[in-house]
């Protein structure tokens, strides 16, 4: 099922590349779009984690630098029977975290400096368990690929603003307008479809991994409060990776276009869980 979702995602985004190319430059543009899509799909599969880490400014950390983070990660990896992921820190004050990679053997977990500062041990455990649940469920593959290809679609669509309809052909204005508007919207909707339900699942699985939901509940409450007032420099294409949607500078649209379900609903679902040992 996971493989089917990933294949479907790659197929839909490939068709979007082709459609944008066709609207931009006709048959030649479609062929170019297909070629770029094939290259981008392969690149995204093997390197989407590195792109996400690079774009977030994440830096690798050692056990000596952050023994507390390593201790929590090792304990939970042992409980979940998962290999130890690579650990990174993002130099930003807004508390947040994400996991990326194509499978558990090639996984990375990144946390912000703000998260390390504001979370107590139980809350930190809840956040890390949530991210490890994404790793165990292979969410990291699908979402990392979606983030990479969605970002590429945004770039291609925006290029239409500078290069027009291609070769000065008449009658291409409508197609170009659709490419500029519909392509980013399609990429956004694909990310929404992936992100919202997987967050509920990762919350539940993370609570089960720890044995109770209370640390994660407290962490989500704290994350919601801090992220309402501390902007975070993040790409729209990678916002779906984080445990809570980053508040980017100048952000206006929320709700329907959020990459995550409402925090109050996630917290309510966790409170309805029973303690699991």
C-alpha atoms as a PDB file:
ATOM      1  CA  UNK A   1       0.000   0.000   0.000  1.00  0.00           C
ATOM      2  CA  UNK A   2       2.829   2.383   0.829  1.00  0.00           C
ATOM      3  CA  UNK A   3       4.473   1.623  -2.522  1.00  0.00           C
ATOM      4  CA  UNK A   4       1.209   2.285  -4.338  1.00  0.00           C
ATOM      5  CA  UNK A   5       0.831   5.668  -2.650  1.00  0.00           C
ATOM      6  CA  UNK A   6       4.362   6.653  -3.577  1.00  0.00           C
ATOM      7  CA  UNK A   7       3.884   5.478  -7.179  1.00  0.00           C
ATOM      8  CA  UNK A   8       0.599   7.370  -7.424  1.00  0.00           C
ATOM      9  CA  UNK A   9       2.249  10.507  -6.091  1.00  0.00           C
ATOM     10  CA  UNK A  10       5.091  10.275  -8.600  1.00  0.00           C
ATOM     11  CA  UNK A  11       2.627   9.637 -11.421  1.00  0.00           C
ATOM     12  CA  UNK A  12       0.399  12.612 -10.556  1.00  0.00           C
ATOM     13  CA  UNK A  13       3.336  14.949 -10.191  1.00  0.00           C
ATOM     14  CA  UNK A  14       4.830  13.653 -13.448  1.00  0.00           C
ATOM     15  CA  UNK A  15       1.573  14.414 -15.260  1.00  0.00           C
ATOM     16  CA  UNK A  16       1.648  17.880 -13.713  1.00  0.00           C
ATOM     17  CA  UNK A  17       5.155  18.404 -15.084  1.00  0.00           C
ATOM     18  CA  UNK A  18       3.968  17.336 -18.534  1.00  0.00           C
ATOM     19  CA  UNK A  19       0.879  19.573 -18.365  1.00  0.00           C
ATOM     20  CA  UNK A  20       2.952  22.573 -17.337  1.00  0.00           C
ATOM     21  CA  UNK A  21       5.401  21.895 -20.151  1.00  0.00           C
ATOM     22  CA  UNK A  22       2.545  21.614 -22.662  1.00  0.00           C
ATOM     23  CA  UNK A  23       0.969  24.862 -21.529  1.00  0.00           C
ATOM     24  CA  UNK A  24       4.341  26.524 -21.624  1.00  0.00           C
ATOM     25  CA  UNK A  25       5.695  25.357 -24.999  1.00  0.00           C
ATOM     26  CA  UNK A  26       3.341  22.862 -26.650  1.00  0.00           C
ATOM     27  CA  UNK A  27       4.520  19.394 -27.723  1.00  0.00           C
ATOM     28  CA  UNK A  28       8.153  20.226 -27.166  1.00  0.00           C
ATOM     29  CA  UNK A  29       7.340  21.477 -23.708  1.00  0.00           C
ATOM     30  CA  UNK A  30       5.476  18.260 -22.873  1.00  0.00           C
ATOM     31  CA  UNK A  31       8.471  16.184 -23.925  1.00  0.00           C
ATOM     32  CA  UNK A  32      10.777  18.392 -21.910  1.00  0.00           C
ATOM     33  CA  UNK A  33       8.424  18.175 -18.927  1.00  0.00           C
ATOM     34  CA  UNK A  34       8.370  14.365 -19.132  1.00  0.00           C
ATOM     35  CA  UNK A  35      12.149  14.181 -19.323  1.00  0.00           C
ATOM     36  CA  UNK A  36      12.539  16.521 -16.371  1.00  0.00           C
ATOM     37  CA  UNK A  37       9.931  14.545 -14.416  1.00  0.00           C
ATOM     38  CA  UNK A  38      11.780  11.260 -14.923  1.00  0.00           C
ATOM     39  CA  UNK A  39      15.047  12.828 -13.790  1.00  0.00           C
ATOM     40  CA  UNK A  40      13.368  14.609 -10.894  1.00  0.00           C
ATOM     41  CA  UNK A  41      11.575  11.469  -9.699  1.00  0.00           C
ATOM     42  CA  UNK A  42      14.832   9.547  -9.477  1.00  0.00           C
ATOM     43  CA  UNK A  43      16.606  12.461  -7.860  1.00  0.00           C
ATOM     44  CA  UNK A  44      13.775  12.931  -5.362  1.00  0.00           C
ATOM     45  CA  UNK A  45      13.755   9.250  -4.389  1.00  0.00           C
ATOM     46  CA  UNK A  46      17.450   9.160  -3.518  1.00  0.00           C
ATOM     47  CA  UNK A  47      18.143  12.731  -2.426  1.00  0.00           C
ATOM     48  CA  UNK A  48      14.876  14.249  -1.127  1.00  0.00           C
ATOM     49  CA  UNK A  49      16.072  13.855   2.475  1.00  0.00           C
ATOM     50  CA  UNK A  50      19.279  15.768   1.766  1.00  0.00           C
ATOM     51  CA  UNK A  51      17.288  18.504   0.014  1.00  0.00           C
ATOM     52  CA  UNK A  52      14.933  18.847   2.989  1.00  0.00           C
ATOM     53  CA  UNK A  53      17.805  18.995   5.478  1.00  0.00           C
ATOM     54  CA  UNK A  54      19.768  21.463   3.364  1.00  0.00           C
ATOM     55  CA  UNK A  55      16.794  23.758   2.785  1.00  0.00           C
ATOM     56  CA  UNK A  56      16.041  23.853   6.525  1.00  0.00           C
ATOM     57  CA  UNK A  57      19.640  24.693   7.441  1.00  0.00           C
ATOM     58  CA  UNK A  58      19.901  21.547   9.573  1.00  0.00           C
ATOM     59  CA  UNK A  59      23.347  20.698  10.972  1.00  0.00           C
ATOM     60  CA  UNK A  60      24.460  17.204  12.106  1.00  0.00           C
ATOM     61  CA  UNK A  61      25.078  16.779  15.816  1.00  0.00           C
ATOM     62  CA  UNK A  62      27.056  14.223  17.813  1.00  0.00           C
ATOM     63  CA  UNK A  63      26.271  12.423  21.047  1.00  0.00           C
ATOM     64  CA  UNK A  64      28.797  14.617  22.835  1.00  0.00           C
ATOM     65  CA  UNK A  65      26.989  17.756  21.686  1.00  0.00           C
ATOM     66  CA  UNK A  66      23.455  16.615  22.558  1.00  0.00           C
ATOM     67  CA  UNK A  67      23.504  13.600  24.901  1.00  0.00           C
ATOM     68  CA  UNK A  68      19.902  14.243  26.004  1.00  0.00           C
ATOM     69  CA  UNK A  69      18.561  13.991  22.441  1.00  0.00           C
ATOM     70  CA  UNK A  70      20.608  10.865  21.732  1.00  0.00           C
ATOM     71  CA  UNK A  71      19.433   9.192  24.940  1.00  0.00           C
ATOM     72  CA  UNK A  72      15.759   9.742  24.117  1.00  0.00           C
ATOM     73  CA  UNK A  73      16.254   8.600  20.513  1.00  0.00           C
ATOM     74  CA  UNK A  74      18.159   5.448  21.454  1.00  0.00           C
ATOM     75  CA  UNK A  75      15.592   4.457  24.072  1.00  0.00           C
ATOM     76  CA  UNK A  76      12.664   4.836  21.690  1.00  0.00           C
ATOM     77  CA  UNK A  77      14.470   3.176  18.783  1.00  0.00           C
ATOM     78  CA  UNK A  78      15.045   0.190  21.037  1.00  0.00           C
ATOM     79  CA  UNK A  79      11.353   0.019  21.951  1.00  0.00           C
ATOM     80  CA  UNK A  80      10.275   0.378  18.315  1.00  0.00           C
ATOM     81  CA  UNK A  81      12.986  -1.959  16.963  1.00  0.00           C
ATOM     82  CA  UNK A  82      14.238   0.742  14.597  1.00  0.00           C
ATOM     83  CA  UNK A  83      17.794   1.582  13.549  1.00  0.00           C
ATOM     84  CA  UNK A  84      19.188   4.806  14.957  1.00  0.00           C
ATOM     85  CA  UNK A  85      18.538   7.701  12.542  1.00  0.00           C
ATOM     86  CA  UNK A  86      20.990  10.506  11.902  1.00  0.00           C
ATOM     87  CA  UNK A  87      20.303  13.507  14.129  1.00  0.00           C
ATOM     88  CA  UNK A  88      20.320  17.161  13.106  1.00  0.00           C
ATOM     89  CA  UNK A  89      19.633  20.517  14.721  1.00  0.00           C
ATOM     90  CA  UNK A  90      18.002  23.438  12.886  1.00  0.00           C
ATOM     91  CA  UNK A  91      19.278  26.855  14.067  1.00  0.00           C
ATOM     92  CA  UNK A  92      15.854  28.437  14.602  1.00  0.00           C
ATOM     93  CA  UNK A  93      14.038  29.509  17.753  1.00  0.00           C
ATOM     94  CA  UNK A  94      10.567  28.302  16.755  1.00  0.00           C
ATOM     95  CA  UNK A  95      10.183  24.820  18.313  1.00  0.00           C
ATOM     96  CA  UNK A  96       9.597  22.172  15.659  1.00  0.00           C
ATOM     97  CA  UNK A  97      10.896  18.872  14.281  1.00  0.00           C
ATOM     98  CA  UNK A  98      10.680  16.623  11.243  1.00  0.00           C
ATOM     99  CA  UNK A  99      11.835  13.223   9.976  1.00  0.00           C
ATOM    100  CA  UNK A 100      12.978  12.505   6.442  1.00  0.00           C
ATOM    101  CA  UNK A 101      14.551   9.727   4.370  1.00  0.00           C
ATOM    102  CA  UNK A 102      13.486   6.927   2.023  1.00  0.00           C
ATOM    103  CA  UNK A 103      13.330   4.129   4.630  1.00  0.00           C
ATOM    104  CA  UNK A 104      14.229   3.417   8.290  1.00  0.00           C
ATOM    105  CA  UNK A 105      17.816   2.536   7.345  1.00  0.00           C
ATOM    106  CA  UNK A 106      18.268   5.918   5.654  1.00  0.00           C
ATOM    107  CA  UNK A 107      16.305   8.120   8.054  1.00  0.00           C
ATOM    108  CA  UNK A 108      17.165  11.444   9.630  1.00  0.00           C
ATOM    109  CA  UNK A 109      15.433  13.394  12.393  1.00  0.00           C
ATOM    110  CA  UNK A 110      15.918  17.145  12.744  1.00  0.00           C
ATOM    111  CA  UNK A 111      14.847  19.303  15.675  1.00  0.00           C
ATOM    112  CA  UNK A 112      15.117  23.050  16.118  1.00  0.00           C
ATOM    113  CA  UNK A 113      17.154  24.744  18.796  1.00  0.00           C
ATOM    114  CA  UNK A 114      13.899  26.155  20.133  1.00  0.00           C
ATOM    115  CA  UNK A 115      12.469  22.672  20.629  1.00  0.00           C
ATOM    116  CA  UNK A 116      15.476  21.606  22.679  1.00  0.00           C
ATOM    117  CA  UNK A 117      15.107  24.684  24.864  1.00  0.00           C
ATOM    118  CA  UNK A 118      11.385  24.554  25.673  1.00  0.00           C
ATOM    119  CA  UNK A 119      10.590  20.824  25.919  1.00  0.00           C
ATOM    120  CA  UNK A 120      10.918  18.837  29.133  1.00  0.00           C
ATOM    121  CA  UNK A 121      11.915  15.162  28.969  1.00  0.00           C
ATOM    122  CA  UNK A 122       8.372  13.793  28.647  1.00  0.00           C
ATOM    123  CA  UNK A 123       7.503  16.286  25.919  1.00  0.00           C
ATOM    124  CA  UNK A 124      10.734  15.586  24.056  1.00  0.00           C
ATOM    125  CA  UNK A 125       9.974  11.871  24.217  1.00  0.00           C
ATOM    126  CA  UNK A 126       6.510  12.480  22.766  1.00  0.00           C
ATOM    127  CA  UNK A 127       7.878  14.528  19.857  1.00  0.00           C
ATOM    128  CA  UNK A 128      10.608  12.009  19.018  1.00  0.00           C
ATOM    129  CA  UNK A 129       8.133   9.104  19.229  1.00  0.00           C
ATOM    130  CA  UNK A 130       5.869  10.946  16.779  1.00  0.00           C
ATOM    131  CA  UNK A 131       8.751  11.383  14.328  1.00  0.00           C
ATOM    132  CA  UNK A 132       9.900   7.770  14.702  1.00  0.00           C
ATOM    133  CA  UNK A 133       6.343   6.680  13.934  1.00  0.00           C
ATOM    134  CA  UNK A 134       6.651   8.510  10.613  1.00  0.00           C
ATOM    135  CA  UNK A 135       9.879   6.597  10.021  1.00  0.00           C
ATOM    136  CA  UNK A 136       8.346   3.210  10.888  1.00  0.00           C
ATOM    137  CA  UNK A 137       5.252   3.889   8.748  1.00  0.00           C
ATOM    138  CA  UNK A 138       7.411   4.975   5.763  1.00  0.00           C
ATOM    139  CA  UNK A 139       5.648   8.345   5.745  1.00  0.00           C
ATOM    140  CA  UNK A 140       9.055   9.944   5.364  1.00  0.00           C
ATOM    141  CA  UNK A 141       9.507   8.545   1.838  1.00  0.00           C
ATOM    142  CA  UNK A 142       6.185   9.755   0.474  1.00  0.00           C
ATOM    143  CA  UNK A 143       6.281  13.136   2.143  1.00  0.00           C
ATOM    144  CA  UNK A 144       9.921  13.853   1.340  1.00  0.00           C
ATOM    145  CA  UNK A 145       9.320  13.081  -2.334  1.00  0.00           C
ATOM    146  CA  UNK A 146       6.161  15.204  -2.296  1.00  0.00           C
ATOM    147  CA  UNK A 147       8.041  18.123  -0.773  1.00  0.00           C
ATOM    148  CA  UNK A 148      10.841  17.924  -3.343  1.00  0.00           C
ATOM    149  CA  UNK A 149       8.633  17.584  -6.406  1.00  0.00           C
ATOM    150  CA  UNK A 150       6.117  20.133  -5.174  1.00  0.00           C
ATOM    151  CA  UNK A 151       8.937  22.615  -4.776  1.00  0.00           C
ATOM    152  CA  UNK A 152      10.069  21.884  -8.324  1.00  0.00           C
ATOM    153  CA  UNK A 153       6.552  22.476  -9.657  1.00  0.00           C
ATOM    154  CA  UNK A 154       6.394  25.809  -7.854  1.00  0.00           C
ATOM    155  CA  UNK A 155       9.646  26.860  -9.513  1.00  0.00           C
ATOM    156  CA  UNK A 156       8.580  25.745 -12.996  1.00  0.00           C
ATOM    157  CA  UNK A 157       5.200  27.447 -12.731  1.00  0.00           C
ATOM    158  CA  UNK A 158       6.756  30.691 -11.559  1.00  0.00           C
ATOM    159  CA  UNK A 159       9.186  30.629 -14.462  1.00  0.00           C
ATOM    160  CA  UNK A 160       6.176  31.192 -16.698  1.00  0.00           C
ATOM    161  CA  UNK A 161       5.883  34.690 -15.232  1.00  0.00           C
ATOM    162  CA  UNK A 162       9.280  35.551 -16.720  1.00  0.00           C
ATOM    163  CA  UNK A 163       9.343  33.557 -19.947  1.00  0.00           C
ATOM    164  CA  UNK A 164       5.760  33.990 -21.099  1.00  0.00           C
ATOM    165  CA  UNK A 165       4.064  31.482 -23.370  1.00  0.00           C
ATOM    166  CA  UNK A 166       7.166  30.186 -25.077  1.00  0.00           C
ATOM    167  CA  UNK A 167       8.356  31.288 -28.518  1.00  0.00           C
ATOM    168  CA  UNK A 168       5.868  34.140 -28.617  1.00  0.00           C
ATOM    169  CA  UNK A 169       2.946  31.966 -29.749  1.00  0.00           C
ATOM    170  CA  UNK A 170      -0.500  33.457 -29.599  1.00  0.00           C
ATOM    171  CA  UNK A 171      -3.372  31.768 -27.818  1.00  0.00           C
ATOM    172  CA  UNK A 172      -1.138  30.315 -25.176  1.00  0.00           C
ATOM    173  CA  UNK A 173      -2.081  32.845 -22.503  1.00  0.00           C
ATOM    174  CA  UNK A 174      -4.841  30.720 -20.979  1.00  0.00           C
ATOM    175  CA  UNK A 175      -2.668  27.641 -20.840  1.00  0.00           C
ATOM    176  CA  UNK A 176       0.154  29.627 -19.300  1.00  0.00           C
ATOM    177  CA  UNK A 177      -2.201  31.118 -16.715  1.00  0.00           C
ATOM    178  CA  UNK A 178      -3.421  27.633 -15.808  1.00  0.00           C
ATOM    179  CA  UNK A 179       0.177  26.461 -15.480  1.00  0.00           C
ATOM    180  CA  UNK A 180       1.005  29.312 -13.140  1.00  0.00           C
ATOM    181  CA  UNK A 181      -2.114  28.887 -10.976  1.00  0.00           C
ATOM    182  CA  UNK A 182      -3.145  25.229 -11.201  1.00  0.00           C
ATOM    183  CA  UNK A 183       0.283  23.605 -10.924  1.00  0.00           C
ATOM    184  CA  UNK A 184       1.126  25.060  -7.489  1.00  0.00           C
ATOM    185  CA  UNK A 185      -2.433  24.363  -6.357  1.00  0.00           C
ATOM    186  CA  UNK A 186      -2.155  20.734  -7.493  1.00  0.00           C
ATOM    187  CA  UNK A 187       1.129  20.358  -5.639  1.00  0.00           C
ATOM    188  CA  UNK A 188      -0.417  21.883  -2.531  1.00  0.00           C
ATOM    189  CA  UNK A 189      -3.467  19.621  -2.623  1.00  0.00           C
ATOM    190  CA  UNK A 190      -1.290  16.542  -3.019  1.00  0.00           C
ATOM    191  CA  UNK A 191       0.703  17.546   0.064  1.00  0.00           C
ATOM    192  CA  UNK A 192      -2.498  18.156   2.008  1.00  0.00           C
ATOM    193  CA  UNK A 193      -3.863  14.730   1.124  1.00  0.00           C
ATOM    194  CA  UNK A 194      -0.677  13.087   2.343  1.00  0.00           C
ATOM    195  CA  UNK A 195      -0.129  15.126   5.471  1.00  0.00           C
ATOM    196  CA  UNK A 196      -3.393  15.468   7.342  1.00  0.00           C
ATOM    197  CA  UNK A 197      -4.293  11.842   8.063  1.00  0.00           C
ATOM    198  CA  UNK A 198      -0.714  10.763   8.561  1.00  0.00           C
ATOM    199  CA  UNK A 199      -0.352  13.227  11.444  1.00  0.00           C
ATOM    200  CA  UNK A 200      -3.246  11.633  13.344  1.00  0.00           C
ATOM    201  CA  UNK A 201      -1.715   8.200  12.725  1.00  0.00           C
ATOM    202  CA  UNK A 202       1.746   9.292  13.860  1.00  0.00           C
ATOM    203  CA  UNK A 203       0.309  10.913  16.992  1.00  0.00           C
ATOM    204  CA  UNK A 204      -1.477   7.688  17.936  1.00  0.00           C
ATOM    205  CA  UNK A 205       1.486   5.457  17.093  1.00  0.00           C
ATOM    206  CA  UNK A 206       3.864   7.750  18.981  1.00  0.00           C
ATOM    207  CA  UNK A 207       1.670   7.650  22.085  1.00  0.00           C
ATOM    208  CA  UNK A 208       1.591   3.839  21.908  1.00  0.00           C
ATOM    209  CA  UNK A 209       5.362   3.742  21.504  1.00  0.00           C
ATOM    210  CA  UNK A 210       5.841   5.744  24.701  1.00  0.00           C
ATOM    211  CA  UNK A 211       3.000   4.032  26.576  1.00  0.00           C
ATOM    212  CA  UNK A 212       0.828   7.108  27.153  1.00  0.00           C
ATOM    213  CA  UNK A 213      -0.245  10.254  25.251  1.00  0.00           C
ATOM    214  CA  UNK A 214       0.439  12.860  27.944  1.00  0.00           C
ATOM    215  CA  UNK A 215       3.916  13.955  26.920  1.00  0.00           C
ATOM    216  CA  UNK A 216       2.860  14.419  23.302  1.00  0.00           C
ATOM    217  CA  UNK A 217      -0.307  16.269  24.349  1.00  0.00           C
ATOM    218  CA  UNK A 218       1.757  18.715  26.387  1.00  0.00           C
ATOM    219  CA  UNK A 219       4.291  19.043  23.561  1.00  0.00           C
ATOM    220  CA  UNK A 220       1.601  19.828  20.980  1.00  0.00           C
ATOM    221  CA  UNK A 221       0.052  22.431  23.273  1.00  0.00           C
ATOM    222  CA  UNK A 222       3.433  24.058  23.739  1.00  0.00           C
ATOM    223  CA  UNK A 223       4.274  23.847  20.031  1.00  0.00           C
ATOM    224  CA  UNK A 224       0.974  25.487  19.141  1.00  0.00           C
ATOM    225  CA  UNK A 225       1.529  28.356  21.564  1.00  0.00           C
ATOM    226  CA  UNK A 226       5.110  29.075  20.505  1.00  0.00           C
ATOM    227  CA  UNK A 227       4.486  28.704  16.769  1.00  0.00           C
ATOM    228  CA  UNK A 228       1.713  31.268  16.920  1.00  0.00           C
ATOM    229  CA  UNK A 229       4.201  33.973  17.814  1.00  0.00           C
ATOM    230  CA  UNK A 230       7.620  32.894  16.529  1.00  0.00           C
ATOM    231  CA  UNK A 231       7.919  32.943  12.705  1.00  0.00           C
ATOM    232  CA  UNK A 232      10.045  30.232  11.136  1.00  0.00           C
ATOM    233  CA  UNK A 233      11.931  30.579   7.869  1.00  0.00           C
ATOM    234  CA  UNK A 234      10.779  27.502   5.937  1.00  0.00           C
ATOM    235  CA  UNK A 235       9.895  26.653   2.371  1.00  0.00           C
ATOM    236  CA  UNK A 236       6.164  26.135   1.631  1.00  0.00           C
ATOM    237  CA  UNK A 237       7.127  22.898  -0.113  1.00  0.00           C
ATOM    238  CA  UNK A 238       8.678  21.419   3.047  1.00  0.00           C
ATOM    239  CA  UNK A 239       6.120  22.663   5.591  1.00  0.00           C
ATOM    240  CA  UNK A 240       4.300  19.312   5.526  1.00  0.00           C
ATOM    241  CA  UNK A 241       7.367  17.570   6.976  1.00  0.00           C
ATOM    242  CA  UNK A 242       7.203  19.286  10.363  1.00  0.00           C
ATOM    243  CA  UNK A 243       5.300  18.029  13.401  1.00  0.00           C
ATOM    244  CA  UNK A 244       3.326  21.293  13.392  1.00  0.00           C
ATOM    245  CA  UNK A 245       2.907  23.692  10.468  1.00  0.00           C
ATOM    246  CA  UNK A 246       5.575  26.403  10.688  1.00  0.00           C
ATOM    247  CA  UNK A 247       4.362  29.989  10.861  1.00  0.00           C
ATOM    248  CA  UNK A 248       6.281  31.524   7.976  1.00  0.00           C
ATOM    249  CA  UNK A 249       6.867  35.282   7.871  1.00  0.00           C
ATOM    250  CA  UNK A 250       3.983  36.931   6.023  1.00  0.00           C
ATOM    251  CA  UNK A 251       1.743  33.868   6.258  1.00  0.00           C
ATOM    252  CA  UNK A 252      -1.901  34.741   5.602  1.00  0.00           C
ATOM    253  CA  UNK A 253      -3.910  31.695   4.551  1.00  0.00           C
ATOM    254  CA  UNK A 254      -4.585  28.989   7.145  1.00  0.00           C
ATOM    255  CA  UNK A 255      -7.306  26.399   7.768  1.00  0.00           C
ATOM    256  CA  UNK A 256      -8.158  24.807   4.427  1.00  0.00           C
ATOM    257  CA  UNK A 257      -4.670  25.350   3.051  1.00  0.00           C
ATOM    258  CA  UNK A 258      -2.809  24.170   6.146  1.00  0.00           C
ATOM    259  CA  UNK A 259      -0.576  21.146   5.653  1.00  0.00           C
ATOM    260  CA  UNK A 260      -1.670  19.782   9.054  1.00  0.00           C
ATOM    261  CA  UNK A 261      -4.975  19.052  10.791  1.00  0.00           C
ATOM    262  CA  UNK A 262      -5.953  21.521  13.546  1.00  0.00           C
ATOM    263  CA  UNK A 263      -3.892  21.060  16.689  1.00  0.00           C
ATOM    264  CA  UNK A 264      -6.964  21.060  18.937  1.00  0.00           C
ATOM    265  CA  UNK A 265      -8.369  18.063  17.038  1.00  0.00           C
ATOM    266  CA  UNK A 266      -5.066  16.210  17.260  1.00  0.00           C
ATOM    267  CA  UNK A 267      -4.932  16.868  21.012  1.00  0.00           C
ATOM    268  CA  UNK A 268      -8.555  15.779  21.437  1.00  0.00           C
ATOM    269  CA  UNK A 269      -7.841  12.502  19.644  1.00  0.00           C
ATOM    270  CA  UNK A 270      -4.874  11.853  21.929  1.00  0.00           C
ATOM    271  CA  UNK A 271      -6.904  12.589  25.048  1.00  0.00           C
ATOM    272  CA  UNK A 272      -9.435   9.976  23.950  1.00  0.00           C
ATOM    273  CA  UNK A 273      -6.732   7.317  23.916  1.00  0.00           C
ATOM    274  CA  UNK A 274      -6.222   4.889  26.768  1.00  0.00           C
ATOM    275  CA  UNK A 275      -2.818   4.235  28.336  1.00  0.00           C
ATOM    276  CA  UNK A 276      -1.059   1.443  26.434  1.00  0.00           C
ATOM    277  CA  UNK A 277       1.861  -0.498  27.861  1.00  0.00           C
END
